[in-house]
Protein backbone atom coordinates (compact mmCIF):
# COMPACT_ATOMS: atom_id res chain seq x y z
CA MET A 1 -14.23 34.19 10.80
CA ARG A 2 -14.13 31.41 8.25
CA HIS A 3 -16.94 32.55 5.96
CA GLY A 4 -16.63 31.10 2.48
CA LYS A 5 -13.61 28.90 3.21
CA LYS A 6 -15.10 25.73 1.82
CA ASN A 7 -12.00 23.96 0.50
CA ASN A 8 -8.38 23.70 1.53
CA HIS A 9 -6.14 25.35 -1.05
CA LEU A 10 -3.16 23.16 -0.05
CA GLY A 11 -0.72 25.92 -1.02
CA ARG A 12 -1.37 25.43 -4.74
CA THR A 13 -3.06 27.24 -7.60
CA ALA A 14 -6.50 26.04 -8.63
CA ALA A 15 -5.21 24.18 -11.69
CA HIS A 16 -2.38 22.52 -9.75
CA ARG A 17 -4.76 21.51 -6.97
CA ALA A 18 -7.28 20.04 -9.44
CA ALA A 19 -4.56 18.08 -11.25
CA MET A 20 -3.11 16.78 -7.98
CA LEU A 21 -6.50 15.64 -6.66
CA SER A 22 -7.32 14.02 -10.00
CA ASN A 23 -4.05 12.08 -9.99
CA MET A 24 -4.45 11.08 -6.35
CA ALA A 25 -8.04 9.92 -6.91
CA ALA A 26 -6.96 7.80 -9.89
CA SER A 27 -4.14 6.30 -7.80
CA LEU A 28 -6.53 5.59 -4.93
CA ILE A 29 -8.90 3.77 -7.27
CA LEU A 30 -6.13 1.75 -8.91
CA HIS A 31 -4.09 0.89 -5.80
CA LYS A 32 -6.87 0.99 -3.14
CA ARG A 33 -4.52 2.70 -0.65
CA LEU A 34 -2.29 5.81 -0.56
CA VAL A 35 0.22 7.20 1.91
CA THR A 36 -0.04 10.99 2.04
CA THR A 37 -0.41 13.93 4.41
CA VAL A 38 -3.59 14.35 6.44
CA ALA A 39 -4.56 17.62 4.71
CA LYS A 40 -4.25 16.06 1.25
CA ALA A 41 -6.13 12.96 2.39
CA LYS A 42 -9.05 15.03 3.69
CA ALA A 43 -9.17 17.01 0.44
CA LEU A 44 -8.96 13.76 -1.55
CA ARG A 45 -11.80 12.20 0.44
CA LYS A 46 -14.03 15.16 -0.39
CA TYR A 47 -13.02 14.86 -4.07
CA ALA A 48 -13.19 11.07 -4.48
CA GLU A 49 -16.31 10.06 -2.54
CA PRO A 50 -18.77 11.66 -5.02
CA LEU A 51 -16.89 9.91 -7.85
CA LEU A 52 -17.25 6.58 -6.06
CA THR A 53 -20.98 7.27 -5.64
CA LYS A 54 -21.26 7.97 -9.38
CA GLY A 55 -19.48 4.67 -10.01
CA LYS A 56 -22.43 2.78 -8.53
CA SER A 57 -24.66 3.67 -11.52
CA ASP A 58 -22.98 2.28 -14.63
CA THR A 59 -24.33 4.55 -17.35
CA THR A 60 -22.54 6.23 -20.22
CA HIS A 61 -23.22 9.63 -18.68
CA SER A 62 -21.75 8.69 -15.29
CA ARG A 63 -18.69 7.14 -16.98
CA ARG A 64 -18.09 10.35 -18.94
CA THR A 65 -18.61 12.49 -15.86
CA VAL A 66 -16.11 10.45 -13.83
CA PHE A 67 -13.64 10.47 -16.74
CA SER A 68 -13.84 14.28 -16.86
CA TYR A 69 -12.58 14.31 -13.26
CA LEU A 70 -10.03 11.48 -13.40
CA GLN A 71 -8.66 11.69 -16.98
CA SER A 72 -7.57 8.05 -16.72
CA LYS A 73 -9.27 5.27 -18.67
CA GLU A 74 -7.73 2.56 -16.47
CA ALA A 75 -9.05 4.18 -13.29
CA VAL A 76 -12.55 4.62 -14.75
CA LYS A 77 -12.62 1.00 -15.90
CA GLU A 78 -11.45 -0.22 -12.48
CA LEU A 79 -14.03 1.95 -10.71
CA PHE A 80 -17.01 0.81 -12.75
CA ASP A 81 -15.99 -2.83 -13.25
CA GLY A 82 -14.23 -3.71 -9.98
CA ILE A 83 -14.97 -1.30 -7.16
CA ALA A 84 -18.64 -0.55 -7.93
CA GLY A 85 -19.68 -4.13 -7.15
CA LYS A 86 -18.12 -4.02 -3.70
CA ILE A 87 -19.53 -0.64 -2.69
CA ALA A 88 -23.01 -1.16 -4.19
CA ASN A 89 -24.75 -1.66 -0.83
CA ARG A 90 -22.72 0.93 1.12
CA PRO A 91 -24.57 4.26 1.51
CA GLY A 92 -21.42 6.41 1.62
CA GLY A 93 -18.20 6.61 3.59
CA TYR A 94 -16.13 4.66 1.08
CA THR A 95 -12.74 5.80 2.38
CA ARG A 96 -10.92 5.54 5.69
CA ILE A 97 -8.07 7.74 6.95
CA LEU A 98 -5.59 6.08 9.33
CA LYS A 99 -3.01 8.40 10.89
CA THR A 100 0.51 6.93 10.88
CA GLY A 101 2.63 9.55 12.64
CA THR A 102 4.87 12.26 11.28
CA ARG A 103 7.22 12.39 8.30
CA LEU A 104 10.90 12.31 9.13
CA GLY A 105 12.01 15.23 6.94
CA ASP A 106 9.55 17.98 7.83
CA ASN A 107 7.42 16.53 10.66
CA ALA A 108 4.27 16.63 8.50
CA GLU A 109 1.41 14.53 9.85
CA MET A 110 1.12 11.46 7.60
CA CYS A 111 -1.72 9.02 7.08
CA ILE A 112 -2.98 6.18 4.94
CA ILE A 113 -6.18 6.76 3.00
CA GLU A 114 -7.77 3.56 1.79
CA LEU A 115 -11.00 2.20 0.39
CA VAL A 116 -12.98 0.65 3.24
CA ASP A 117 -14.08 -2.51 1.41
CA TYR A 118 -10.50 -3.39 0.42
CA ASN A 119 -9.13 -3.79 3.95
CA GLU A 120 -8.43 -7.55 3.59
CA ASP A 121 -5.14 -6.67 1.89
CA MET A 122 -3.97 -4.92 5.04
CA LEU A 123 -5.16 -7.79 7.24
CA SER A 124 -3.31 -10.37 5.16
CA THR A 125 -0.06 -8.36 5.28
CA THR A 126 -0.28 -8.05 9.07
CA GLY A 127 -0.72 -11.80 9.40
CA THR A 128 2.29 -12.40 7.18
CA SER A 129 4.56 -10.10 9.18
CA THR A 130 3.55 -11.79 12.44
CA ALA A 131 4.23 -15.22 10.98
CA GLY A 132 7.57 -13.95 9.64
CA LYS A 133 8.64 -12.81 13.10
CA ALA A 134 7.71 -16.16 14.63
CA LYS A 135 9.75 -18.00 11.99
CA THR A 136 12.71 -15.73 12.62
CA ARG A 137 12.62 -16.52 16.32
CA ARG A 138 12.53 -20.24 15.64
CA ARG A 139 15.39 -20.05 13.20
CA SER A 140 17.58 -18.05 15.54
CA SER A 141 17.10 -20.55 18.36
CA GLY A 142 17.80 -23.40 15.93
CA LYS A 143 21.00 -21.77 14.71
CA LYS A 144 22.33 -21.47 18.24
CA LYS A 145 21.82 -25.19 18.81
CA GLU A 146 23.46 -26.03 15.49
CA GLU A 147 26.41 -23.72 16.25
CA GLY A 148 26.89 -25.45 19.61
CA GLN A 149 27.00 -28.83 17.88
CA ALA A 150 29.17 -27.51 15.06
CA THR A 151 31.82 -26.21 17.47
CA THR A 152 32.29 -29.67 18.96
CA ASP A 153 32.56 -31.29 15.52
CA THR A 154 34.54 -28.47 13.90
CA PRO A 155 38.10 -29.93 13.92
CA ALA A 156 37.19 -33.26 12.32
CA SER A 157 34.53 -32.07 9.89
CA SER A 158 36.34 -28.92 8.78
CA THR A 159 39.35 -30.79 7.41
CA GLU A 160 37.14 -33.33 5.65
CA GLY A 161 34.86 -30.57 4.35
CA THR A 162 37.73 -28.56 2.85
CA ALA A 163 39.25 -31.60 1.15
CA ALA A 164 35.88 -32.60 -0.29
CA ALA A 165 35.14 -29.01 -1.31
CA GLY A 166 38.53 -28.66 -2.99
CA SER A 167 38.08 -31.80 -5.06
CA ALA A 168 34.49 -30.84 -5.88
CA ASP A 169 35.56 -27.38 -7.08
CA THR A 170 38.28 -28.66 -9.40
CA PRO A 171 36.11 -30.80 -11.73
CA SER A 172 33.34 -28.19 -11.88
CA ALA A 173 35.85 -25.47 -12.81
CA GLU A 174 37.13 -27.56 -15.76
């Protein structure tokens, strides 16, 4: 039976676990997204969501309470000044866990944990990679055409190109 097993110990002592979750929560607030294992992400979600809720009320007491958990002035400032405005009308569920497969070294199940309201970063990176692939395809087809033309002009242009390159290199070297 699982009576009393409220939290996942993650194979660490209580102090190590608290320090790890504090560091991960500060990183999540600063970077908006983390790549970690599923077990750590679920523990982090349980740790960070109440802090994000406290961030919605900008009082001295809530700032001090959040700082006691995070121990990072930059993360507290980012939470209360930047993130709180975006999550003000959301009644909870500030994080999302996206499973990404397994880690190569030990086959651990990996995931991305991110803040829900900061998903436009991921959408913009996906659009960029798609556009990059399309450009690559166009370039490769263009290079083949240029190579075909270059092979027909190679004997005449190569001798002229080397003579011009040789004379161009000499003055620049001096």
